[in-house]
Amino acid sequence: MSPYLVVGGVVLVGVLLFVAAMGARRLIAPSAPTPAKESTYECGVDPVGEGWAQTNVRYFLYAFLYVIFAVDAVYLFPWATVIRSSDLALASLAEVGIFVGVLLIGLAHAWRHGLLRWL
């Protein structure tokens, strides 16, 4: 049997299970929409104004930079275990040097464009 048929079969079964679950929910779940149920609830306070608010992009930028520089730990921890084997030590040291170099270039780029200033 072709591996593509197996993957296609698994995807098809997953889609069918999803459709069956959504159909069962629609048939079984009670539904009594009222204006009070459909209104926005914010910690017991009536909402004021529209739901759209302008947010400073800077906060998303900090979150994005944090994710980029925190994910590098996922790659550095396995490297720390490989560096102990004598046959891969020099090659893995070169690879992690390139990896950290690319991270430092990204950090320098963010710093040069003033993305790390909080003000």
N, C-alpha and C. Protein backbone atom coordinates (compact mmCIF):
# COMPACT_ATOMS: atom_id res chain seq x y z
N MET A 1 0.85 -1.18 0.00
CA MET A 1 0.00 0.00 0.00
C MET A 1 0.90 1.24 0.00
N SER A 2 0.52 2.22 -0.77
CA SER A 2 1.30 3.44 -0.89
C SER A 2 1.21 4.27 0.40
N PRO A 3 2.33 4.86 0.81
CA PRO A 3 2.28 5.70 2.01
C PRO A 3 1.35 6.90 1.84
N TYR A 4 1.20 7.37 0.60
CA TYR A 4 0.29 8.49 0.37
C TYR A 4 -1.16 8.09 0.64
N LEU A 5 -1.51 6.85 0.33
CA LEU A 5 -2.87 6.38 0.62
C LEU A 5 -3.10 6.31 2.13
N VAL A 6 -2.09 5.89 2.87
CA VAL A 6 -2.22 5.83 4.32
C VAL A 6 -2.43 7.23 4.89
N VAL A 7 -1.61 8.19 4.45
CA VAL A 7 -1.76 9.56 4.94
C VAL A 7 -3.12 10.13 4.53
N GLY A 8 -3.52 9.88 3.29
CA GLY A 8 -4.82 10.35 2.84
C GLY A 8 -5.96 9.73 3.64
N GLY A 9 -5.83 8.45 3.96
CA GLY A 9 -6.86 7.78 4.77
C GLY A 9 -6.94 8.36 6.17
N VAL A 10 -5.80 8.64 6.77
CA VAL A 10 -5.79 9.22 8.11
C VAL A 10 -6.41 10.62 8.09
N VAL A 11 -6.08 11.41 7.08
CA VAL A 11 -6.66 12.75 6.96
C VAL A 11 -8.17 12.65 6.75
N LEU A 12 -8.60 11.73 5.91
CA LEU A 12 -10.02 11.55 5.66
C LEU A 12 -10.76 11.13 6.93
N VAL A 13 -10.20 10.20 7.67
CA VAL A 13 -10.83 9.77 8.92
C VAL A 13 -10.89 10.93 9.91
N GLY A 14 -9.83 11.75 9.97
CA GLY A 14 -9.83 12.91 10.87
C GLY A 14 -10.91 13.91 10.50
N VAL A 15 -11.06 14.18 9.21
CA VAL A 15 -12.10 15.11 8.76
C VAL A 15 -13.49 14.55 9.06
N LEU A 16 -13.69 13.26 8.82
CA LEU A 16 -14.98 12.64 9.10
C LEU A 16 -15.31 12.68 10.59
N LEU A 17 -14.32 12.45 11.45
CA LEU A 17 -14.55 12.53 12.89
C LEU A 17 -14.92 13.96 13.31
N PHE A 18 -14.25 14.92 12.72
CA PHE A 18 -14.56 16.32 13.03
C PHE A 18 -15.98 16.66 12.62
N VAL A 19 -16.36 16.29 11.41
CA VAL A 19 -17.71 16.58 10.91
C VAL A 19 -18.75 15.86 11.76
N ALA A 20 -18.47 14.62 12.15
CA ALA A 20 -19.42 13.88 12.99
C ALA A 20 -19.57 14.53 14.36
N ALA A 21 -18.46 15.00 14.94
CA ALA A 21 -18.54 15.65 16.25
C ALA A 21 -19.31 16.95 16.18
N MET A 22 -19.09 17.74 15.13
CA MET A 22 -19.82 19.00 14.98
C MET A 22 -21.31 18.75 14.72
N GLY A 23 -21.63 17.72 13.95
CA GLY A 23 -23.03 17.37 13.71
C GLY A 23 -23.71 16.90 14.99
N ALA A 24 -23.03 16.08 15.78
CA ALA A 24 -23.60 15.61 17.04
C ALA A 24 -23.81 16.77 18.00
N ARG A 25 -22.87 17.72 18.03
CA ARG A 25 -23.03 18.87 18.90
C ARG A 25 -24.25 19.70 18.50
N ARG A 26 -24.44 19.88 17.21
CA ARG A 26 -25.59 20.67 16.75
C ARG A 26 -26.90 19.97 17.09
N LEU A 27 -26.94 18.65 17.04
CA LEU A 27 -28.17 17.92 17.35
C LEU A 27 -28.44 17.84 18.84
N ILE A 28 -27.41 17.70 19.65
CA ILE A 28 -27.58 17.43 21.08
C ILE A 28 -27.59 18.69 21.93
N ALA A 29 -26.75 19.66 21.62
CA ALA A 29 -26.59 20.84 22.47
C ALA A 29 -27.85 21.71 22.46
N PRO A 30 -28.25 22.20 23.64
CA PRO A 30 -29.41 23.11 23.67
C PRO A 30 -29.04 24.47 23.09
N SER A 31 -29.99 25.11 22.47
CA SER A 31 -29.74 26.42 21.87
C SER A 31 -30.93 27.32 22.15
N ALA A 32 -30.70 28.37 22.92
CA ALA A 32 -31.74 29.36 23.21
C ALA A 32 -31.08 30.74 23.23
N PRO A 33 -30.74 31.27 22.05
CA PRO A 33 -30.06 32.57 22.03
C PRO A 33 -30.98 33.70 22.46
N THR A 34 -30.48 34.55 23.31
CA THR A 34 -31.19 35.75 23.74
C THR A 34 -30.22 36.93 23.59
N PRO A 35 -30.75 38.14 23.56
CA PRO A 35 -29.84 39.29 23.46
C PRO A 35 -28.85 39.37 24.62
N ALA A 36 -29.26 38.93 25.81
CA ALA A 36 -28.36 38.97 26.96
C ALA A 36 -27.22 37.97 26.78
N LYS A 37 -27.50 36.81 26.20
CA LYS A 37 -26.47 35.81 26.00
C LYS A 37 -25.50 36.20 24.90
N GLU A 38 -25.97 36.95 23.94
CA GLU A 38 -25.13 37.32 22.81
C GLU A 38 -24.35 38.61 23.03
N SER A 39 -24.56 39.29 24.17
CA SER A 39 -23.83 40.52 24.44
C SER A 39 -22.43 40.19 24.96
N THR A 40 -21.54 41.18 24.86
CA THR A 40 -20.17 41.00 25.32
C THR A 40 -20.14 41.10 26.83
N TYR A 41 -19.38 40.21 27.45
CA TYR A 41 -19.26 40.21 28.91
C TYR A 41 -17.81 40.50 29.26
N GLU A 42 -17.61 41.57 30.04
CA GLU A 42 -16.25 41.93 30.44
C GLU A 42 -16.21 42.07 31.95
N CYS A 43 -16.05 40.97 32.65
CA CYS A 43 -15.86 40.96 34.10
C CYS A 43 -16.98 41.69 34.85
N GLY A 44 -18.18 41.57 34.39
CA GLY A 44 -19.30 42.17 35.08
C GLY A 44 -19.54 43.62 34.75
N VAL A 45 -18.70 44.22 33.92
CA VAL A 45 -18.84 45.62 33.55
C VAL A 45 -19.44 45.68 32.16
N ASP A 46 -20.44 46.52 31.98
CA ASP A 46 -21.03 46.66 30.66
C ASP A 46 -19.99 47.23 29.70
N PRO A 47 -19.90 46.67 28.50
CA PRO A 47 -18.91 47.17 27.54
C PRO A 47 -19.25 48.59 27.08
N VAL A 48 -18.20 49.38 26.90
CA VAL A 48 -18.36 50.76 26.46
C VAL A 48 -17.67 50.91 25.12
N GLY A 49 -18.34 51.48 24.17
CA GLY A 49 -17.74 51.71 22.87
C GLY A 49 -17.72 50.45 22.02
N GLU A 50 -16.87 50.49 21.00
CA GLU A 50 -16.77 49.36 20.09
C GLU A 50 -15.75 48.36 20.60
N GLY A 51 -15.71 47.20 19.98
CA GLY A 51 -14.75 46.17 20.36
C GLY A 51 -13.38 46.40 19.77
N TRP A 52 -13.25 47.35 18.85
CA TRP A 52 -11.97 47.60 18.20
C TRP A 52 -11.21 48.65 18.98
N ALA A 53 -9.96 48.38 19.27
CA ALA A 53 -9.10 49.34 19.96
C ALA A 53 -7.73 49.32 19.31
N GLN A 54 -7.12 50.47 19.20
CA GLN A 54 -5.80 50.54 18.59
C GLN A 54 -4.74 50.19 19.62
N THR A 55 -3.85 49.28 19.25
CA THR A 55 -2.80 48.83 20.15
C THR A 55 -1.46 49.19 19.54
N ASN A 56 -0.54 49.55 20.39
CA ASN A 56 0.79 49.89 19.92
C ASN A 56 1.49 48.63 19.43
N VAL A 57 2.09 48.69 18.26
CA VAL A 57 2.74 47.54 17.65
C VAL A 57 3.98 47.14 18.44
N ARG A 58 4.51 48.05 19.21
CA ARG A 58 5.73 47.79 19.97
C ARG A 58 5.59 46.55 20.86
N TYR A 59 4.44 46.34 21.46
CA TYR A 59 4.27 45.21 22.36
C TYR A 59 4.32 43.88 21.60
N PHE A 60 3.76 43.87 20.41
CA PHE A 60 3.85 42.67 19.59
C PHE A 60 5.28 42.41 19.17
N LEU A 61 6.01 43.48 18.92
CA LEU A 61 7.40 43.36 18.53
C LEU A 61 8.23 42.76 19.66
N TYR A 62 8.00 43.21 20.89
CA TYR A 62 8.72 42.63 22.03
C TYR A 62 8.38 41.15 22.19
N ALA A 63 7.11 40.82 22.03
CA ALA A 63 6.72 39.41 22.14
C ALA A 63 7.37 38.58 21.05
N PHE A 64 7.41 39.11 19.84
CA PHE A 64 8.02 38.40 18.72
C PHE A 64 9.52 38.20 18.95
N LEU A 65 10.20 39.25 19.40
CA LEU A 65 11.63 39.12 19.68
C LEU A 65 11.88 38.13 20.82
N TYR A 66 11.03 38.14 21.83
CA TYR A 66 11.19 37.18 22.93
C TYR A 66 11.06 35.76 22.42
N VAL A 67 10.06 35.51 21.59
CA VAL A 67 9.87 34.16 21.07
C VAL A 67 11.08 33.73 20.25
N ILE A 68 11.59 34.62 19.42
CA ILE A 68 12.75 34.27 18.60
C ILE A 68 13.94 33.91 19.47
N PHE A 69 14.22 34.73 20.47
CA PHE A 69 15.41 34.50 21.27
C PHE A 69 15.20 33.49 22.39
N ALA A 70 13.97 33.10 22.66
CA ALA A 70 13.73 32.05 23.66
C ALA A 70 13.71 30.68 23.01
N VAL A 71 13.34 30.61 21.76
CA VAL A 71 13.27 29.33 21.06
C VAL A 71 14.68 28.78 20.82
N ASP A 72 15.67 29.63 20.83
CA ASP A 72 17.02 29.12 20.60
C ASP A 72 17.44 28.12 21.66
N ALA A 73 16.84 28.19 22.84
CA ALA A 73 17.16 27.21 23.88
C ALA A 73 16.75 25.80 23.47
N VAL A 74 15.71 25.70 22.66
CA VAL A 74 15.26 24.39 22.18
C VAL A 74 16.36 23.74 21.35
N TYR A 75 17.14 24.55 20.65
CA TYR A 75 18.21 24.02 19.83
C TYR A 75 19.52 23.89 20.59
N LEU A 76 19.72 24.71 21.61
CA LEU A 76 20.99 24.66 22.35
C LEU A 76 21.05 23.51 23.35
N PHE A 77 19.94 23.11 23.94
CA PHE A 77 19.97 22.01 24.90
C PHE A 77 20.36 20.68 24.25
N PRO A 78 19.79 20.30 23.11
CA PRO A 78 20.27 19.07 22.48
C PRO A 78 21.73 19.18 22.04
N TRP A 79 22.16 20.35 21.63
CA TRP A 79 23.56 20.52 21.25
C TRP A 79 24.47 20.24 22.43
N ALA A 80 24.06 20.63 23.63
CA ALA A 80 24.89 20.40 24.81
C ALA A 80 25.09 18.91 25.07
N THR A 81 24.15 18.09 24.68
CA THR A 81 24.33 16.65 24.87
C THR A 81 25.18 16.03 23.76
N VAL A 82 25.15 16.61 22.57
CA VAL A 82 25.92 16.06 21.45
C VAL A 82 27.38 16.45 21.55
N ILE A 83 27.68 17.59 22.14
CA ILE A 83 29.05 18.09 22.19
C ILE A 83 29.97 17.14 22.95
N ARG A 84 29.41 16.30 23.81
CA ARG A 84 30.24 15.38 24.61
C ARG A 84 30.77 14.20 23.81
N SER A 85 30.11 13.86 22.71
CA SER A 85 30.62 12.75 21.91
C SER A 85 31.81 13.26 21.09
N SER A 86 32.88 12.51 21.08
CA SER A 86 34.13 12.98 20.48
C SER A 86 34.06 13.07 18.96
N ASP A 87 33.25 12.22 18.31
CA ASP A 87 33.23 12.24 16.85
C ASP A 87 32.43 13.41 16.27
N LEU A 88 31.51 13.99 17.03
CA LEU A 88 30.70 15.10 16.54
C LEU A 88 31.04 16.44 17.18
N ALA A 89 32.03 16.47 18.05
CA ALA A 89 32.28 17.67 18.84
C ALA A 89 32.64 18.87 17.98
N LEU A 90 33.57 18.73 17.05
CA LEU A 90 34.02 19.87 16.25
C LEU A 90 32.94 20.33 15.28
N ALA A 91 32.25 19.38 14.64
CA ALA A 91 31.20 19.74 13.70
C ALA A 91 30.04 20.43 14.41
N SER A 92 29.64 19.91 15.55
CA SER A 92 28.52 20.53 16.27
C SER A 92 28.92 21.88 16.84
N LEU A 93 30.19 22.04 17.20
CA LEU A 93 30.64 23.34 17.68
C LEU A 93 30.57 24.38 16.56
N ALA A 94 30.95 23.99 15.35
CA ALA A 94 30.86 24.90 14.21
C ALA A 94 29.41 25.24 13.90
N GLU A 95 28.52 24.24 13.96
CA GLU A 95 27.10 24.49 13.68
C GLU A 95 26.47 25.43 14.69
N VAL A 96 26.76 25.21 15.97
CA VAL A 96 26.18 26.08 16.99
C VAL A 96 26.80 27.47 16.92
N GLY A 97 28.05 27.57 16.49
CA GLY A 97 28.66 28.88 16.29
C GLY A 97 27.95 29.66 15.20
N ILE A 98 27.61 29.00 14.11
CA ILE A 98 26.85 29.64 13.04
C ILE A 98 25.47 30.04 13.54
N PHE A 99 24.83 29.16 14.28
CA PHE A 99 23.49 29.43 14.82
C PHE A 99 23.51 30.65 15.74
N VAL A 100 24.42 30.69 16.67
CA VAL A 100 24.50 31.82 17.60
C VAL A 100 24.91 33.08 16.84
N GLY A 101 25.74 32.94 15.82
CA GLY A 101 26.10 34.09 15.00
C GLY A 101 24.89 34.70 14.32
N VAL A 102 24.03 33.86 13.77
CA VAL A 102 22.81 34.37 13.12
C VAL A 102 21.91 35.05 14.15
N LEU A 103 21.81 34.49 15.35
CA LEU A 103 21.02 35.13 16.40
C LEU A 103 21.61 36.48 16.78
N LEU A 104 22.92 36.57 16.87
CA LEU A 104 23.55 37.84 17.21
C LEU A 104 23.36 38.88 16.11
N ILE A 105 23.38 38.44 14.86
CA ILE A 105 23.11 39.37 13.76
C ILE A 105 21.68 39.90 13.85
N GLY A 106 20.74 39.02 14.18
CA GLY A 106 19.35 39.45 14.37
C GLY A 106 19.20 40.42 15.53
N LEU A 107 19.92 40.16 16.63
CA LEU A 107 19.87 41.05 17.78
C LEU A 107 20.49 42.40 17.43
N ALA A 108 21.60 42.39 16.71
CA ALA A 108 22.22 43.65 16.30
C ALA A 108 21.30 44.43 15.36
N HIS A 109 20.62 43.74 14.48
CA HIS A 109 19.67 44.40 13.56
C HIS A 109 18.54 45.06 14.35
N ALA A 110 17.98 44.33 15.32
CA ALA A 110 16.90 44.89 16.13
C ALA A 110 17.40 46.08 16.94
N TRP A 111 18.61 46.00 17.45
CA TRP A 111 19.17 47.08 18.24
C TRP A 111 19.43 48.30 17.37
N ARG A 112 19.98 48.09 16.17
CA ARG A 112 20.31 49.18 15.26
C ARG A 112 19.05 49.96 14.84
N HIS A 113 17.94 49.25 14.68
CA HIS A 113 16.70 49.91 14.28
C HIS A 113 15.91 50.44 15.46
N GLY A 114 16.46 50.33 16.66
CA GLY A 114 15.82 50.89 17.84
C GLY A 114 14.64 50.09 18.35
N LEU A 115 14.58 48.82 18.02
CA LEU A 115 13.43 48.00 18.43
C LEU A 115 13.52 47.57 19.89
N LEU A 116 14.67 47.72 20.51
CA LEU A 116 14.83 47.26 21.89
C LEU A 116 14.62 48.38 22.90
N ARG A 117 14.34 49.59 22.43
CA ARG A 117 14.05 50.70 23.34
C ARG A 117 12.61 50.64 23.78
N TRP A 118 12.38 50.83 25.05
CA TRP A 118 11.02 50.73 25.58
C TRP A 118 10.24 52.01 25.34
N LEU A 119 10.91 53.14 25.22
CA LEU A 119 10.22 54.43 25.08
C LEU A 119 9.58 54.61 23.76
